[in-house]
Amino acid sequence: MKNLLLVAGIVLLGLTANAQEKKEDKGLEGIWWVAGQVSYNSSESGNNKTTSTMVLPIVGAFISPSVTAGIGIGNISSKTENGSLTTADSNTFVIKPLMRKYWNVSGNLFFYGQAALPIMFGKDKVEDSKYTSFGLELAPGFDYIINKWMTVETSFTIFNLSSTTSTPAVGDKTTTFGFNANPMNSVADRSIGNLQVGVKFLF
């Protein structure tokens, strides 16, 4: 875990070190933004019905003309029922600090690299266990400025490290460590190989 946090710190410091800009070029420095995701899914297979929801608002600010820092705080829940029997029921609290470095491609089109440190605290009601997860993810993307208050962006995660500890009500706790290239997003909001497209509001 200590090594994971050390790597994360080096990545974020590296992004900050590359953020040197000319003082006269203010760019988006001082601009705040909001983004995030709200989703609801429901599926049925035989007698099984699964519903899941995710609410993850993200807010941030440009701390230099080409570097922005933000944090997302939200919740993920999932429940599977077989008739009157609940076979799975989990609820997860998510904290996701992130930092981005932007490079101008042409005009209003920018390429960015993002480093995020998602932290999740959850409970599985069926298995009567609690779990905690720490991660590091790197994601490239493109951001196009539509006007002074909105941008359209797309990105996908290409690298992910995670450490998850599960603590049951009875028995010993277990810790698993994972490493992926081109992985699923650590907060389960995108699939392998798929782009995520969204809007960001500036103010």
Protein backbone atom coordinates (compact mmCIF):
# COMPACT_ATOMS: atom_id res chain seq x y z
CA MET A 1 0.00 0.00 0.00
CA LYS A 2 2.83 2.40 0.86
CA ASN A 3 4.43 1.73 -2.53
CA LEU A 4 1.11 2.40 -4.26
CA LEU A 5 0.76 5.79 -2.57
CA LEU A 6 4.39 6.60 -3.36
CA VAL A 7 3.84 5.91 -7.05
CA ALA A 8 0.67 8.01 -6.98
CA GLY A 9 2.52 10.89 -5.37
CA ILE A 10 5.32 10.74 -7.94
CA VAL A 11 2.78 10.81 -10.79
CA LEU A 12 0.91 13.79 -9.39
CA LEU A 13 4.11 15.67 -8.62
CA GLY A 14 5.30 14.97 -12.14
CA LEU A 15 2.14 16.48 -13.58
CA THR A 16 2.52 19.53 -11.39
CA ALA A 17 6.19 19.95 -12.30
CA ASN A 18 5.25 20.04 -15.98
CA ALA A 19 2.73 22.80 -15.36
CA GLN A 20 5.15 25.72 -15.70
CA GLU A 21 3.61 28.43 -17.86
CA LYS A 22 4.50 31.98 -18.82
CA LYS A 23 3.12 34.36 -16.21
CA GLU A 24 1.42 36.52 -18.81
CA ASP A 25 -0.51 33.51 -20.21
CA LYS A 26 -3.43 33.01 -17.81
CA GLY A 27 -5.43 30.65 -20.06
CA LEU A 28 -8.10 28.96 -17.92
CA GLU A 29 -6.32 29.60 -14.63
CA GLY A 30 -8.83 30.35 -11.88
CA ILE A 31 -11.77 28.85 -13.80
CA TRP A 32 -13.95 26.34 -11.88
CA TRP A 33 -15.74 23.42 -13.50
CA VAL A 34 -18.29 20.72 -12.68
CA ALA A 35 -18.85 17.33 -14.30
CA GLY A 36 -19.73 13.82 -13.20
CA GLN A 37 -22.02 10.89 -13.88
CA VAL A 38 -25.51 9.74 -12.95
CA SER A 39 -26.62 6.29 -14.10
CA TYR A 40 -29.33 3.71 -13.48
CA ASN A 41 -29.36 0.18 -14.89
CA SER A 42 -31.86 -2.64 -14.57
CA SER A 43 -31.62 -6.12 -16.08
CA GLU A 44 -33.49 -9.41 -15.76
CA SER A 45 -32.33 -12.96 -16.42
CA GLY A 46 -34.77 -15.71 -15.54
CA ASN A 47 -35.94 -15.01 -12.00
CA ASN A 48 -32.96 -12.77 -11.29
CA LYS A 49 -33.40 -8.99 -11.39
CA THR A 50 -30.40 -6.70 -10.93
CA THR A 51 -30.56 -2.96 -10.41
CA SER A 52 -27.61 -0.61 -10.01
CA THR A 53 -27.22 3.12 -9.58
CA MET A 54 -24.27 5.49 -9.61
CA VAL A 55 -24.08 9.17 -8.65
CA LEU A 56 -20.62 10.75 -8.90
CA PRO A 57 -20.50 14.56 -9.16
CA ILE A 58 -17.03 16.03 -9.73
CA VAL A 59 -15.88 19.61 -9.12
CA GLY A 60 -12.50 21.16 -9.84
CA ALA A 61 -10.52 24.27 -10.74
CA PHE A 62 -7.63 25.21 -13.03
CA ILE A 63 -4.66 25.88 -10.76
CA SER A 64 -2.52 27.02 -13.71
CA PRO A 65 -3.23 27.78 -17.40
CA SER A 66 -2.96 24.07 -18.30
CA VAL A 67 -3.36 22.09 -15.05
CA THR A 68 -6.59 21.39 -13.21
CA ALA A 69 -7.30 19.55 -9.97
CA GLY A 70 -10.65 18.13 -8.92
CA ILE A 71 -12.46 15.68 -6.68
CA GLY A 72 -15.46 13.44 -7.13
CA ILE A 73 -17.61 12.25 -4.23
CA GLY A 74 -20.46 9.84 -4.80
CA ASN A 75 -22.14 6.49 -4.30
CA ILE A 76 -22.53 3.19 -6.16
CA SER A 77 -25.18 0.64 -5.21
CA SER A 78 -26.17 -2.72 -6.69
CA LYS A 79 -28.86 -5.25 -5.76
CA THR A 80 -29.83 -8.64 -7.20
CA GLU A 81 -33.09 -10.37 -6.29
CA ASN A 82 -34.41 -13.84 -7.12
CA GLY A 83 -38.10 -13.60 -6.39
CA SER A 84 -38.35 -12.59 -2.73
CA LEU A 85 -34.73 -13.65 -2.04
CA THR A 86 -31.93 -11.07 -2.17
CA THR A 87 -28.77 -12.75 -3.50
CA ALA A 88 -26.53 -9.67 -3.70
CA ASP A 89 -26.74 -6.23 -2.10
CA SER A 90 -23.81 -3.81 -1.96
CA ASN A 91 -23.37 -0.11 -1.32
CA THR A 92 -20.14 1.80 -1.95
CA PHE A 93 -19.03 5.33 -1.04
CA VAL A 94 -16.51 6.80 -3.52
CA ILE A 95 -13.93 9.58 -3.18
CA LYS A 96 -11.95 10.30 -6.33
CA PRO A 97 -9.34 13.10 -6.35
CA LEU A 98 -7.78 13.75 -9.75
CA MET A 99 -5.39 16.00 -11.64
CA ARG A 100 -5.08 16.77 -15.36
CA LYS A 101 -2.41 18.31 -17.57
CA TYR A 102 -3.61 19.86 -20.85
CA TRP A 103 -1.81 20.37 -24.17
CA ASN A 104 -3.34 22.37 -27.01
CA VAL A 105 -3.73 20.39 -30.25
CA SER A 106 -5.36 23.03 -32.42
CA GLY A 107 -7.76 25.88 -31.73
CA ASN A 108 -10.25 24.79 -29.05
CA LEU A 109 -9.15 21.13 -29.10
CA PHE A 110 -6.95 19.93 -26.22
CA PHE A 111 -5.31 16.62 -25.33
CA TYR A 112 -4.94 15.80 -21.63
CA GLY A 113 -3.42 13.23 -19.32
CA GLN A 114 -5.28 12.45 -16.09
CA ALA A 115 -4.10 10.82 -12.88
CA ALA A 116 -6.74 9.83 -10.30
CA LEU A 117 -6.65 8.20 -6.87
CA PRO A 118 -10.08 6.56 -6.35
CA ILE A 119 -10.85 5.44 -2.80
CA MET A 120 -13.91 3.30 -2.06
CA PHE A 121 -15.58 2.18 1.18
CA GLY A 122 -18.33 -0.37 0.84
CA LYS A 123 -20.53 -2.94 2.52
CA ASP A 124 -21.92 -6.23 1.21
CA LYS A 125 -25.15 -6.84 3.13
CA VAL A 126 -25.62 -10.41 1.90
CA GLU A 127 -22.11 -11.60 2.78
CA ASP A 128 -22.07 -9.34 5.86
CA SER A 129 -18.66 -7.88 5.03
CA LYS A 130 -17.03 -4.50 4.58
CA TYR A 131 -14.41 -3.59 2.00
CA THR A 132 -11.99 -0.77 1.33
CA SER A 133 -10.24 -0.11 -1.97
CA PHE A 134 -7.41 2.25 -2.94
CA GLY A 135 -6.39 2.77 -6.55
CA LEU A 136 -4.32 4.70 -9.05
CA GLU A 137 -5.48 5.17 -12.61
CA LEU A 138 -4.08 6.98 -15.64
CA ALA A 139 -6.33 8.11 -18.47
CA PRO A 140 -5.68 10.12 -21.64
CA GLY A 141 -8.44 12.09 -23.30
CA PHE A 142 -9.51 14.95 -25.57
CA ASP A 143 -11.40 18.05 -24.49
CA TYR A 144 -13.09 20.45 -26.94
CA ILE A 145 -14.18 23.89 -25.72
CA ILE A 146 -17.63 24.67 -27.15
CA ASN A 147 -18.00 28.10 -25.57
CA LYS A 148 -16.98 29.97 -22.42
CA TRP A 149 -19.18 27.78 -20.19
CA MET A 150 -19.13 24.25 -21.68
CA THR A 151 -16.69 21.67 -23.08
CA VAL A 152 -17.14 18.17 -24.53
CA GLU A 153 -14.61 15.51 -23.54
CA THR A 154 -13.82 11.87 -24.17
CA SER A 155 -11.37 9.56 -22.40
CA PHE A 156 -10.52 5.97 -21.46
CA THR A 157 -8.42 4.45 -18.69
CA ILE A 158 -5.20 2.77 -19.87
CA PHE A 159 -3.51 1.88 -16.57
CA ASN A 160 -4.85 0.87 -13.17
CA LEU A 161 -3.43 -0.24 -9.81
CA SER A 162 -5.71 -1.24 -6.96
CA SER A 163 -5.56 -2.70 -3.47
CA THR A 164 -8.78 -4.03 -1.91
CA THR A 165 -9.26 -5.28 1.66
CA SER A 166 -12.39 -7.24 2.60
CA THR A 167 -13.32 -7.67 6.27
CA PRO A 168 -16.10 -10.22 7.01
CA ALA A 169 -18.13 -10.17 10.21
CA VAL A 170 -16.71 -13.62 10.97
CA GLY A 171 -13.29 -14.79 9.84
CA ASP A 172 -10.07 -13.20 8.67
CA LYS A 173 -9.81 -10.19 6.42
CA THR A 174 -8.27 -10.61 2.96
CA THR A 175 -6.34 -8.17 0.78
CA THR A 176 -6.03 -8.41 -3.00
CA PHE A 177 -3.78 -6.37 -5.28
CA GLY A 178 -4.49 -5.80 -8.95
CA PHE A 179 -2.65 -4.35 -11.93
CA ASN A 180 -4.21 -3.78 -15.34
CA ALA A 181 -3.31 -2.14 -18.62
CA ASN A 182 -6.27 -0.87 -20.65
CA PRO A 183 -8.48 -1.76 -17.67
CA MET A 184 -12.00 -1.10 -16.52
CA ASN A 185 -12.39 2.16 -14.67
CA SER A 186 -11.95 1.61 -10.94
CA VAL A 187 -15.36 3.07 -10.12
CA ALA A 188 -17.09 0.80 -12.66
CA ASP A 189 -18.31 3.60 -14.93
CA ARG A 190 -16.89 2.39 -18.24
CA SER A 191 -16.02 -0.86 -20.03
CA ILE A 192 -12.75 -2.18 -21.39
CA GLY A 193 -11.87 -0.55 -24.69
CA ASN A 194 -14.86 1.82 -24.72
CA LEU A 195 -14.62 5.60 -24.79
CA GLN A 196 -16.47 7.67 -22.21
CA VAL A 197 -18.00 10.88 -23.56
CA GLY A 198 -19.37 13.67 -21.41
CA VAL A 199 -19.69 17.42 -20.90
CA LYS A 200 -17.98 19.73 -18.44
CA PHE A 201 -19.44 23.07 -17.32
CA LEU A 202 -17.16 26.05 -16.65
CA PHE A 203 -17.85 28.96 -14.34
